[in-house]
C-alpha cells in the first residue's frame, strides 16, 4: 500500500481524510498488528476502545475501523455508538494523555468511524489505569513483564527505568538517580 494512510501519521499530524478507496482497500486486508475492525453496530464500550488504542500504540500504532464486520468478506454495517467523534477524541486524550484522531465517514451503507492510533514513543509503553495491553489474535492480552522491560530498555536507563515489579512508568524526562534504582 503506497497510500499515505497505510501507516499511522506522526502524533503531531492530523491524518489526511481517509478516501473511500482506502477504506475499500482496508476491507480486503486481513486484520493484523496495525489494522483492527469492529462491528460496533449499536454500541461499543469506551473502556474497550481505550484498551484497543493502548494495544495498537504499544505495537507500533495502527487503524481501528468501527462499523464494519470483523469477518471477511467484510461489509459496512454502520454504527450508532460514539455519535460525536470530537467528544470521543477528547475522551481518549483525557484518559490516555495522547492525541488520537477519530474520523467519521458517512457512506450510503452506513456510518463508519476510523480511529488513527499513533505509535508509542521509544522507551515508553501506553497504559490505561495502570494496565498495559497488546493484541493477541482477535482479543487483547496484558503485556507481560519481559515485554515491558524490553520496551523500557529501548529508551535507555536515563529515559525510563523499570522497577523490580515489572511495571514501568511512562515519563518524558529523566528520573532522578534516587528513583527507579
Protein backbone atom coordinates (compact mmCIF):
# COMPACT_ATOMS: atom_id res chain seq x y z
CA UNK A 1 0.00 0.00 0.00
CA UNK A 2 1.73 3.13 -1.13
CA UNK A 3 -1.05 5.43 0.10
CA UNK A 4 -0.10 7.85 2.88
CA UNK A 5 -2.90 6.38 5.00
CA UNK A 6 -1.28 2.91 5.01
CA UNK A 7 0.66 3.67 8.18
CA UNK A 8 -0.12 5.92 11.13
CA UNK A 9 0.83 9.55 10.80
CA UNK A 10 3.16 11.17 13.38
CA UNK A 11 1.36 12.02 16.62
CA UNK A 12 1.56 15.75 15.85
CA UNK A 13 -0.01 15.48 12.38
CA UNK A 14 -3.73 15.31 11.71
CA UNK A 15 -4.25 12.37 9.34
CA UNK A 16 -5.45 13.20 5.88
CA UNK A 17 -9.11 12.27 5.42
CA UNK A 18 -9.47 8.63 4.51
CA UNK A 19 -10.73 8.11 0.97
CA UNK A 20 -13.48 5.66 0.13
CA UNK A 21 -10.90 3.80 -1.99
CA UNK A 22 -8.57 3.47 1.02
CA UNK A 23 -11.41 2.16 3.20
CA UNK A 24 -12.33 -0.37 0.50
CA UNK A 25 -8.67 -1.48 0.33
CA UNK A 26 -8.59 -1.97 4.12
CA UNK A 27 -11.79 -4.07 3.92
CA UNK A 28 -9.93 -6.53 1.69
CA UNK A 29 -6.93 -6.84 4.01
CA UNK A 30 -6.63 -9.22 6.95
CA UNK A 31 -6.62 -7.84 10.44
CA UNK A 32 -3.07 -7.58 11.66
CA UNK A 33 -0.87 -5.74 14.08
CA UNK A 34 -1.88 -2.38 12.62
CA UNK A 35 -5.44 -2.91 11.39
CA UNK A 36 -8.46 -3.76 13.54
CA UNK A 37 -12.17 -4.00 12.62
CA UNK A 38 -15.12 -3.94 15.00
CA UNK A 39 -18.78 -4.15 14.04
CA UNK A 40 -19.91 -1.97 16.95
CA UNK A 41 -23.29 -1.56 15.26
CA UNK A 42 -25.36 -0.39 18.23
CA UNK A 43 -22.80 0.26 20.94
CA UNK A 44 -19.17 -0.17 21.79
CA UNK A 45 -17.83 0.31 25.28
CA UNK A 46 -15.47 3.24 25.65
CA UNK A 47 -13.28 1.19 28.04
CA UNK A 48 -12.78 -1.42 25.31
CA UNK A 49 -11.87 1.32 22.82
CA UNK A 50 -9.28 2.64 25.30
CA UNK A 51 -7.70 -0.79 25.65
CA UNK A 52 -7.51 -1.33 21.88
CA UNK A 53 -5.90 2.10 21.43
CA UNK A 54 -3.29 1.19 24.06
CA UNK A 55 -2.61 -2.18 22.40
CA UNK A 56 -2.29 -0.66 18.93
CA UNK A 57 0.05 2.08 20.18
CA UNK A 58 2.21 -0.44 22.03
CA UNK A 59 2.56 -2.45 18.80
CA UNK A 60 3.58 0.45 16.59
CA UNK A 61 0.31 2.31 16.01
CA UNK A 62 -2.50 1.48 13.66
CA UNK A 63 -6.02 1.96 12.44
CA UNK A 64 -9.23 0.79 14.12
CA UNK A 65 -12.34 0.81 11.92
CA UNK A 66 -15.71 0.73 13.70
CA UNK A 67 -18.91 -0.05 11.83
CA UNK A 68 -17.51 -2.88 9.70
CA UNK A 69 -17.92 -6.64 10.20
CA UNK A 70 -14.91 -8.44 11.70
CA UNK A 71 -15.06 -11.47 9.40
CA UNK A 72 -14.27 -11.49 5.70
CA UNK A 73 -15.79 -10.74 3.35
CA UNK A 74 -16.18 -7.56 5.35
CA UNK A 75 -19.08 -5.24 4.84
CA UNK A 76 -20.03 -1.87 6.22
CA UNK A 77 -22.89 -2.22 8.70
CA UNK A 78 -22.81 1.32 10.06
CA UNK A 79 -22.61 2.26 13.69
CA UNK A 80 -24.52 4.39 16.13
CA UNK A 81 -22.05 4.34 19.02
CA UNK A 82 -19.82 7.38 19.64
CA UNK A 83 -22.19 9.80 17.90
CA UNK A 84 -19.82 12.74 18.44
CA UNK A 85 -16.31 11.91 17.14
CA UNK A 86 -14.89 15.10 18.68
CA UNK A 87 -16.16 14.09 22.12
CA UNK A 88 -14.73 10.59 21.65
CA UNK A 89 -11.36 12.05 20.64
CA UNK A 90 -11.40 14.37 23.67
CA UNK A 91 -12.25 11.45 25.96
CA UNK A 92 -9.39 9.37 24.58
CA UNK A 93 -6.99 12.26 25.13
CA UNK A 94 -8.24 12.85 28.66
CA UNK A 95 -7.86 9.20 29.68
CA UNK A 96 -4.68 8.30 27.79
CA UNK A 97 -2.85 11.63 27.57
CA UNK A 98 -2.28 11.18 23.84
CA UNK A 99 -3.96 12.70 20.81
CA UNK A 100 -5.83 10.01 18.88
CA UNK A 101 -7.72 11.39 15.87
CA UNK A 102 -11.20 9.96 15.30
CA UNK A 103 -12.58 10.33 11.79
CA UNK A 104 -16.20 9.88 10.73
CA UNK A 105 -17.24 8.69 7.27
CA UNK A 106 -20.90 8.79 6.27
CA UNK A 107 -21.46 6.37 3.42
CA UNK A 108 -24.63 5.05 1.74
CA UNK A 109 -24.10 1.72 3.58
CA UNK A 110 -23.80 3.42 6.97
CA UNK A 111 -21.61 5.44 9.27
CA UNK A 112 -18.01 4.33 9.92
CA UNK A 113 -15.54 5.65 12.50
CA UNK A 114 -11.82 5.41 11.85
CA UNK A 115 -9.54 5.72 14.87
CA UNK A 116 -5.96 6.68 13.93
CA UNK A 117 -3.72 5.44 16.76
CA UNK A 118 -0.15 6.81 16.74
CA UNK A 119 2.77 4.61 17.79
CA UNK A 120 4.17 4.86 21.29
CA UNK A 121 7.45 6.68 21.74
CA UNK A 122 10.57 4.54 22.04
CA UNK A 123 11.29 3.66 25.66
CA UNK A 124 7.66 4.09 26.71
CA UNK A 125 4.56 1.95 26.92
CA UNK A 126 0.99 3.19 26.86
CA UNK A 127 -1.36 2.09 29.62
CA UNK A 128 -4.90 2.67 30.77
CA UNK A 129 -5.41 2.81 34.52
CA UNK A 130 -2.03 1.13 35.06
CA UNK A 131 -2.74 -1.80 32.71
CA UNK A 132 -0.61 -2.39 29.60
CA UNK A 133 -2.09 -4.23 26.62
CA UNK A 134 -1.15 -5.91 23.36
CA UNK A 135 -3.26 -7.64 20.75
CA UNK A 136 -3.50 -11.41 20.90
CA UNK A 137 -5.30 -12.82 17.87
CA UNK A 138 -8.84 -11.44 17.92
CA UNK A 139 -8.58 -10.26 21.51
CA UNK A 140 -6.41 -8.29 23.92
CA UNK A 141 -3.88 -9.58 26.41
CA UNK A 142 -1.80 -7.89 29.09
CA UNK A 143 1.83 -7.17 28.30
CA UNK A 144 3.98 -9.48 30.38
CA UNK A 145 6.97 -8.44 32.45
CA UNK A 146 9.68 -9.19 29.87
CA UNK A 147 7.75 -7.30 27.16
CA UNK A 148 7.50 -4.21 29.36
CA UNK A 149 11.17 -4.47 30.26
CA UNK A 150 12.10 -4.64 26.57
CA UNK A 151 10.04 -1.52 25.87
CA UNK A 152 11.67 0.27 28.80
CA UNK A 153 15.15 -0.70 27.59
CA UNK A 154 14.58 0.93 24.20
CA UNK A 155 14.99 4.39 25.70
CA UNK A 156 17.94 3.58 27.91
CA UNK A 157 18.10 3.94 31.68
CA UNK A 158 18.03 7.76 31.68
CA UNK A 159 14.62 7.92 30.00
CA UNK A 160 12.73 5.17 31.75
CA UNK A 161 13.60 2.69 34.45
CA UNK A 162 11.56 -0.39 35.19
CA UNK A 163 11.34 -1.37 38.81
CA UNK A 164 11.58 -4.94 40.10
CA UNK A 165 7.79 -5.41 39.94
CA UNK A 166 7.89 -5.09 36.18
CA UNK A 167 5.61 -2.13 35.58
CA UNK A 168 7.42 0.83 34.09
CA UNK A 169 6.32 4.42 34.50
CA UNK A 170 5.68 6.47 31.40
CA UNK A 171 7.82 9.56 31.66
CA UNK A 172 9.14 12.10 29.22
CA UNK A 173 12.06 13.35 31.28
CA UNK A 174 14.95 11.60 33.07
CA UNK A 175 14.22 10.23 36.52
CA UNK A 176 16.29 11.41 39.49
CA UNK A 177 19.01 8.90 40.47
CA UNK A 178 17.19 8.09 43.70
CA UNK A 179 14.13 6.81 41.84
CA UNK A 180 13.93 3.58 39.91
CA UNK A 181 17.28 2.23 41.08
